[in-house]
Amino acid sequence: MRLFRDEEHVRRAHPEPGAIFAIEQLWTLAQRWYGDRLDPAWTPHDRVRNQDDLASAGLTGQFWELPA
């Protein structure tokens, strides 16, 4: 992952980027994905939960589809 000022800056550096998303989306995803990891009763999330976490951050579409 690399951070850029804006989408125009990304496209100048990488004409065919994989995915572009806002830092706010990354923060939303990180809170959901890692927010409970220090809980002593933590268990790994299943694929459905992980896909929901991506969607809750607005990360949808083919690029963000987790393998079955």
PDB file of N, CA and C in Angstrom:
ATOM      1  N   MET A   1       0.848  -1.158   0.000  1.00  0.00           N
ATOM      2  CA  MET A   1       0.000   0.000   0.000  1.00  0.00           C
ATOM      3  C   MET A   1       0.905   1.235   0.000  1.00  0.00           C
ATOM      4  N   ARG A   2       0.487   2.200  -0.794  1.00  0.00           N
ATOM      5  CA  ARG A   2       1.192   3.475  -0.845  1.00  0.00           C
ATOM      6  C   ARG A   2       0.177   4.587  -0.675  1.00  0.00           C
ATOM      7  N   LEU A   3       0.580   5.649  -0.017  1.00  0.00           N
ATOM      8  CA  LEU A   3      -0.300   6.796   0.204  1.00  0.00           C
ATOM      9  C   LEU A   3       0.036   7.898  -0.792  1.00  0.00           C
ATOM     10  N   PHE A   4      -1.024   8.519  -1.335  1.00  0.00           N
ATOM     11  CA  PHE A   4      -0.887   9.596  -2.303  1.00  0.00           C
ATOM     12  C   PHE A   4      -1.801  10.746  -1.906  1.00  0.00           C
ATOM     13  N   ARG A   5      -1.516  11.917  -2.454  1.00  0.00           N
ATOM     14  CA  ARG A   5      -2.328  13.104  -2.154  1.00  0.00           C
ATOM     15  C   ARG A   5      -3.751  12.969  -2.678  1.00  0.00           C
ATOM     16  N   ASP A   6      -3.882  12.472  -3.905  1.00  0.00           N
ATOM     17  CA  ASP A   6      -5.200  12.369  -4.519  1.00  0.00           C
ATOM     18  C   ASP A   6      -5.121  11.361  -5.673  1.00  0.00           C
ATOM     19  N   GLU A   7      -6.263  11.096  -6.285  1.00  0.00           N
ATOM     20  CA  GLU A   7      -6.321  10.095  -7.351  1.00  0.00           C
ATOM     21  C   GLU A   7      -5.474  10.498  -8.554  1.00  0.00           C
ATOM     22  N   GLU A   8      -5.426  11.763  -8.866  1.00  0.00           N
ATOM     23  CA  GLU A   8      -4.600  12.227  -9.992  1.00  0.00           C
ATOM     24  C   GLU A   8      -3.131  11.886  -9.747  1.00  0.00           C
ATOM     25  N   HIS A   9      -2.668  12.083  -8.536  1.00  0.00           N
ATOM     26  CA  HIS A   9      -1.293  11.763  -8.177  1.00  0.00           C
ATOM     27  C   HIS A   9      -1.038  10.260  -8.325  1.00  0.00           C
ATOM     28  N   VAL A  10      -1.998   9.436  -7.916  1.00  0.00           N
ATOM     29  CA  VAL A  10      -1.875   7.986  -8.073  1.00  0.00           C
ATOM     30  C   VAL A  10      -1.695   7.635  -9.539  1.00  0.00           C
ATOM     31  N   ARG A  11      -2.564   8.163 -10.379  1.00  0.00           N
ATOM     32  CA  ARG A  11      -2.551   7.798 -11.797  1.00  0.00           C
ATOM     33  C   ARG A  11      -1.295   8.292 -12.520  1.00  0.00           C
ATOM     34  N   ARG A  12      -0.721   9.391 -12.062  1.00  0.00           N
ATOM     35  CA  ARG A  12       0.551   9.827 -12.649  1.00  0.00           C
ATOM     36  C   ARG A  12       1.657   8.838 -12.299  1.00  0.00           C
ATOM     37  N   ALA A  13       1.638   8.323 -11.095  1.00  0.00           N
ATOM     38  CA  ALA A  13       2.676   7.398 -10.642  1.00  0.00           C
ATOM     39  C   ALA A  13       2.439   5.975 -11.140  1.00  0.00           C
ATOM     40  N   HIS A  14       1.172   5.605 -11.261  1.00  0.00           N
ATOM     41  CA  HIS A  14       0.803   4.238 -11.643  1.00  0.00           C
ATOM     42  C   HIS A  14      -0.373   4.297 -12.616  1.00  0.00           C
ATOM     43  N   PRO A  15      -0.123   4.252 -13.911  1.00  0.00           N
ATOM     44  CA  PRO A  15      -1.203   4.366 -14.893  1.00  0.00           C
ATOM     45  C   PRO A  15      -2.300   3.311 -14.747  1.00  0.00           C
ATOM     46  N   GLU A  16      -1.970   2.136 -14.203  1.00  0.00           N
ATOM     47  CA  GLU A  16      -2.963   1.080 -14.017  1.00  0.00           C
ATOM     48  C   GLU A  16      -2.940   0.583 -12.563  1.00  0.00           C
ATOM     49  N   PRO A  17      -3.428   1.396 -11.632  1.00  0.00           N
ATOM     50  CA  PRO A  17      -3.392   0.984 -10.219  1.00  0.00           C
ATOM     51  C   PRO A  17      -4.362  -0.164  -9.949  1.00  0.00           C
ATOM     52  N   GLY A  18      -4.062  -0.952  -8.926  1.00  0.00           N
ATOM     53  CA  GLY A  18      -4.952  -2.064  -8.568  1.00  0.00           C
ATOM     54  C   GLY A  18      -6.250  -1.572  -7.971  1.00  0.00           C
ATOM     55  N   ALA A  19      -6.182  -0.766  -6.939  1.00  0.00           N
ATOM     56  CA  ALA A  19      -7.373  -0.230  -6.287  1.00  0.00           C
ATOM     57  C   ALA A  19      -6.994   1.088  -5.627  1.00  0.00           C
ATOM     58  N   ILE A  20      -7.925   2.003  -5.627  1.00  0.00           N
ATOM     59  CA  ILE A  20      -7.717   3.305  -5.007  1.00  0.00           C
ATOM     60  C   ILE A  20      -8.829   3.496  -3.989  1.00  0.00           C
ATOM     61  N   PHE A  21      -8.440   3.862  -2.774  1.00  0.00           N
ATOM     62  CA  PHE A  21      -9.448   4.129  -1.743  1.00  0.00           C
ATOM     63  C   PHE A  21      -8.922   5.183  -0.794  1.00  0.00           C
ATOM     64  N   ALA A  22      -9.826   5.811  -0.081  1.00  0.00           N
ATOM     65  CA  ALA A  22      -9.485   6.902   0.830  1.00  0.00           C
ATOM     66  C   ALA A  22      -8.931   6.360   2.147  1.00  0.00           C
ATOM     67  N   ILE A  23      -8.093   7.159   2.763  1.00  0.00           N
ATOM     68  CA  ILE A  23      -7.509   6.779   4.054  1.00  0.00           C
ATOM     69  C   ILE A  23      -8.608   6.546   5.094  1.00  0.00           C
ATOM     70  N   GLU A  24      -9.724   7.255   4.965  1.00  0.00           N
ATOM     71  CA  GLU A  24     -10.840   7.049   5.895  1.00  0.00           C
ATOM     72  C   GLU A  24     -11.410   5.635   5.759  1.00  0.00           C
ATOM     73  N   GLN A  25     -11.421   5.126   4.534  1.00  0.00           N
ATOM     74  CA  GLN A  25     -11.887   3.750   4.327  1.00  0.00           C
ATOM     75  C   GLN A  25     -10.930   2.758   4.971  1.00  0.00           C
ATOM     76  N   LEU A  26      -9.648   3.030   4.867  1.00  0.00           N
ATOM     77  CA  LEU A  26      -8.651   2.166   5.505  1.00  0.00           C
ATOM     78  C   LEU A  26      -8.865   2.158   7.018  1.00  0.00           C
ATOM     79  N   TRP A  27      -9.117   3.322   7.601  1.00  0.00           N
ATOM     80  CA  TRP A  27      -9.335   3.418   9.043  1.00  0.00           C
ATOM     81  C   TRP A  27     -10.591   2.642   9.453  1.00  0.00           C
ATOM     82  N   THR A  28     -11.661   2.787   8.695  1.00  0.00           N
ATOM     83  CA  THR A  28     -12.894   2.048   8.987  1.00  0.00           C
ATOM     84  C   THR A  28     -12.627   0.548   8.935  1.00  0.00           C
ATOM     85  N   LEU A  29     -11.934   0.102   7.906  1.00  0.00           N
ATOM     86  CA  LEU A  29     -11.629  -1.315   7.777  1.00  0.00           C
ATOM     87  C   LEU A  29     -10.737  -1.786   8.927  1.00  0.00           C
ATOM     88  N   ALA A  30      -9.707  -1.038   9.245  1.00  0.00           N
ATOM     89  CA  ALA A  30      -8.778  -1.436  10.313  1.00  0.00           C
ATOM     90  C   ALA A  30      -9.493  -1.574  11.648  1.00  0.00           C
ATOM     91  N   GLN A  31     -10.404  -0.659  11.954  1.00  0.00           N
ATOM     92  CA  GLN A  31     -11.145  -0.740  13.210  1.00  0.00           C
ATOM     93  C   GLN A  31     -11.954  -2.025  13.289  1.00  0.00           C
ATOM     94  N   ARG A  32     -12.610  -2.378  12.207  1.00  0.00           N
ATOM     95  CA  ARG A  32     -13.425  -3.598  12.213  1.00  0.00           C
ATOM     96  C   ARG A  32     -12.561  -4.854  12.148  1.00  0.00           C
ATOM     97  N   TRP A  33     -11.529  -4.834  11.297  1.00  0.00           N
ATOM     98  CA  TRP A  33     -10.713  -6.026  11.053  1.00  0.00           C
ATOM     99  C   TRP A  33      -9.871  -6.386  12.281  1.00  0.00           C
ATOM    100  N   TYR A  34      -9.311  -5.361  12.933  1.00  0.00           N
ATOM    101  CA  TYR A  34      -8.387  -5.599  14.044  1.00  0.00           C
ATOM    102  C   TYR A  34      -8.914  -5.175  15.406  1.00  0.00           C
ATOM    103  N   GLY A  35     -10.065  -4.543  15.460  1.00  0.00           N
ATOM    104  CA  GLY A  35     -10.565  -3.953  16.695  1.00  0.00           C
ATOM    105  C   GLY A  35     -10.765  -4.901  17.857  1.00  0.00           C
ATOM    106  N   ASP A  36     -10.985  -6.167  17.595  1.00  0.00           N
ATOM    107  CA  ASP A  36     -11.238  -7.117  18.679  1.00  0.00           C
ATOM    108  C   ASP A  36     -10.083  -8.086  18.906  1.00  0.00           C
ATOM    109  N   ARG A  37      -8.956  -7.861  18.276  1.00  0.00           N
ATOM    110  CA  ARG A  37      -7.848  -8.828  18.336  1.00  0.00           C
ATOM    111  C   ARG A  37      -7.239  -8.984  19.730  1.00  0.00           C
ATOM    112  N   LEU A  38      -7.357  -7.995  20.589  1.00  0.00           N
ATOM    113  CA  LEU A  38      -6.789  -8.109  21.933  1.00  0.00           C
ATOM    114  C   LEU A  38      -7.756  -8.718  22.936  1.00  0.00           C
ATOM    115  N   ASP A  39      -8.963  -9.001  22.510  1.00  0.00           N
ATOM    116  CA  ASP A  39      -9.951  -9.643  23.377  1.00  0.00           C
ATOM    117  C   ASP A  39      -9.481 -11.065  23.683  1.00  0.00           C
ATOM    118  N   PRO A  40      -9.410 -11.443  24.962  1.00  0.00           N
ATOM    119  CA  PRO A  40      -8.964 -12.792  25.306  1.00  0.00           C
ATOM    120  C   PRO A  40      -9.810 -13.899  24.665  1.00  0.00           C
ATOM    121  N   ALA A  41     -11.050 -13.598  24.354  1.00  0.00           N
ATOM    122  CA  ALA A  41     -11.934 -14.598  23.748  1.00  0.00           C
ATOM    123  C   ALA A  41     -11.929 -14.523  22.219  1.00  0.00           C
ATOM    124  N   TRP A  42     -10.980 -13.781  21.643  1.00  0.00           N
ATOM    125  CA  TRP A  42     -10.947 -13.590  20.196  1.00  0.00           C
ATOM    126  C   TRP A  42     -10.798 -14.917  19.463  1.00  0.00           C
ATOM    127  N   THR A  43     -11.548 -15.029  18.387  1.00  0.00           N
ATOM    128  CA  THR A  43     -11.391 -16.144  17.458  1.00  0.00           C
ATOM    129  C   THR A  43     -11.323 -15.539  16.053  1.00  0.00           C
ATOM    130  N   PRO A  44     -10.657 -16.206  15.129  1.00  0.00           N
ATOM    131  CA  PRO A  44     -10.559 -15.650  13.776  1.00  0.00           C
ATOM    132  C   PRO A  44     -11.948 -15.420  13.164  1.00  0.00           C
ATOM    133  N   HIS A  45     -12.054 -14.346  12.411  1.00  0.00           N
ATOM    134  CA  HIS A  45     -13.305 -14.050  11.721  1.00  0.00           C
ATOM    135  C   HIS A  45     -13.444 -14.981  10.524  1.00  0.00           C
ATOM    136  N   ASP A  46     -14.680 -15.306  10.202  1.00  0.00           N
ATOM    137  CA  ASP A  46     -14.894 -16.138   9.016  1.00  0.00           C
ATOM    138  C   ASP A  46     -14.960 -15.260   7.762  1.00  0.00           C
ATOM    139  N   ARG A  47     -15.016 -15.902   6.618  1.00  0.00           N
ATOM    140  CA  ARG A  47     -15.021 -15.190   5.346  1.00  0.00           C
ATOM    141  C   ARG A  47     -16.186 -14.218   5.247  1.00  0.00           C
ATOM    142  N   VAL A  48     -17.363 -14.622   5.708  1.00  0.00           N
ATOM    143  CA  VAL A  48     -18.549 -13.761   5.634  1.00  0.00           C
ATOM    144  C   VAL A  48     -18.313 -12.485   6.439  1.00  0.00           C
ATOM    145  N   ARG A  49     -17.778 -12.613   7.638  1.00  0.00           N
ATOM    146  CA  ARG A  49     -17.498 -11.440   8.475  1.00  0.00           C
ATOM    147  C   ARG A  49     -16.462 -10.553   7.796  1.00  0.00           C
ATOM    148  N   ASN A  50     -15.398 -11.158   7.271  1.00  0.00           N
ATOM    149  CA  ASN A  50     -14.360 -10.366   6.615  1.00  0.00           C
ATOM    150  C   ASN A  50     -14.901  -9.628   5.397  1.00  0.00           C
ATOM    151  N   GLN A  51     -15.765 -10.292   4.615  1.00  0.00           N
ATOM    152  CA  GLN A  51     -16.348  -9.642   3.444  1.00  0.00           C
ATOM    153  C   GLN A  51     -17.248  -8.493   3.881  1.00  0.00           C
ATOM    154  N   ASP A  52     -17.974  -8.692   4.976  1.00  0.00           N
ATOM    155  CA  ASP A  52     -18.820  -7.633   5.521  1.00  0.00           C
ATOM    156  C   ASP A  52     -17.972  -6.452   5.996  1.00  0.00           C
ATOM    157  N   ASP A  53     -16.824  -6.742   6.591  1.00  0.00           N
ATOM    158  CA  ASP A  53     -15.927  -5.672   7.029  1.00  0.00           C
ATOM    159  C   ASP A  53     -15.457  -4.844   5.841  1.00  0.00           C
ATOM    160  N   LEU A  54     -15.103  -5.497   4.755  1.00  0.00           N
ATOM    161  CA  LEU A  54     -14.700  -4.772   3.549  1.00  0.00           C
ATOM    162  C   LEU A  54     -15.850  -3.906   3.037  1.00  0.00           C
ATOM    163  N   ALA A  55     -17.033  -4.490   2.971  1.00  0.00           N
ATOM    164  CA  ALA A  55     -18.198  -3.748   2.469  1.00  0.00           C
ATOM    165  C   ALA A  55     -18.531  -2.564   3.367  1.00  0.00           C
ATOM    166  N   SER A  56     -18.378  -2.735   4.684  1.00  0.00           N
ATOM    167  CA  SER A  56     -18.703  -1.641   5.607  1.00  0.00           C
ATOM    168  C   SER A  56     -17.770  -0.453   5.403  1.00  0.00           C
ATOM    169  N   ALA A  57     -16.591  -0.709   4.866  1.00  0.00           N
ATOM    170  CA  ALA A  57     -15.652   0.367   4.568  1.00  0.00           C
ATOM    171  C   ALA A  57     -15.851   0.905   3.148  1.00  0.00           C
ATOM    172  N   GLY A  58     -16.853   0.391   2.448  1.00  0.00           N
ATOM    173  CA  GLY A  58     -17.122   0.838   1.085  1.00  0.00           C
ATOM    174  C   GLY A  58     -16.202   0.190   0.065  1.00  0.00           C
ATOM    175  N   LEU A  59     -15.549  -0.899   0.447  1.00  0.00           N
ATOM    176  CA  LEU A  59     -14.628  -1.591  -0.457  1.00  0.00           C
ATOM    177  C   LEU A  59     -15.372  -2.772  -1.063  1.00  0.00           C
ATOM    178  N   THR A  60     -15.984  -2.512  -2.199  1.00  0.00           N
ATOM    179  CA  THR A  60     -16.812  -3.514  -2.866  1.00  0.00           C
ATOM    180  C   THR A  60     -16.355  -3.668  -4.308  1.00  0.00           C
ATOM    181  N   GLY A  61     -16.855  -4.675  -4.960  1.00  0.00           N
ATOM    182  CA  GLY A  61     -16.503  -4.928  -6.349  1.00  0.00           C
ATOM    183  C   GLY A  61     -15.564  -6.113  -6.453  1.00  0.00           C
ATOM    184  N   GLN A  62     -15.262  -6.500  -7.672  1.00  0.00           N
ATOM    185  CA  GLN A  62     -14.483  -7.698  -7.941  1.00  0.00           C
ATOM    186  C   GLN A  62     -13.123  -7.683  -7.240  1.00  0.00           C
ATOM    187  N   PHE A  63     -12.442  -6.549  -7.226  1.00  0.00           N
ATOM    188  CA  PHE A  63     -11.128  -6.471  -6.610  1.00  0.00           C
ATOM    189  C   PHE A  63     -11.171  -6.886  -5.141  1.00  0.00           C
ATOM    190  N   TRP A  64     -12.273  -6.571  -4.451  1.00  0.00           N
ATOM    191  CA  TRP A  64     -12.388  -6.792  -3.010  1.00  0.00           C
ATOM    192  C   TRP A  64     -13.072  -8.095  -2.647  1.00  0.00           C
ATOM    193  N   GLU A  65     -13.417  -8.917  -3.616  1.00  0.00           N
ATOM    194  CA  GLU A  65     -14.067 -10.205  -3.338  1.00  0.00           C
ATOM    195  C   GLU A  65     -13.045 -11.192  -2.793  1.00  0.00           C
ATOM    196  N   LEU A  66     -13.304 -11.707  -1.602  1.00  0.00           N
ATOM    197  CA  LEU A  66     -12.423 -12.698  -1.004  1.00  0.00           C
ATOM    198  C   LEU A  66     -12.684 -14.060  -1.637  1.00  0.00           C
ATOM    199  N   PRO A  67     -11.659 -14.900  -1.734  1.00  0.00           N
ATOM    200  CA  PRO A  67     -11.880 -16.227  -2.310  1.00  0.00           C
ATOM    201  C   PRO A  67     -12.805 -17.070  -1.441  1.00  0.00           C
ATOM    202  N   ALA A  68     -13.553 -17.940  -2.084  1.00  0.00           N
ATOM    203  CA  ALA A  68     -14.501 -18.792  -1.365  1.00  0.00           C
ATOM    204  C   ALA A  68     -13.795 -19.855  -0.571  1.00  0.00           C
TER     205      ALA A  68
END
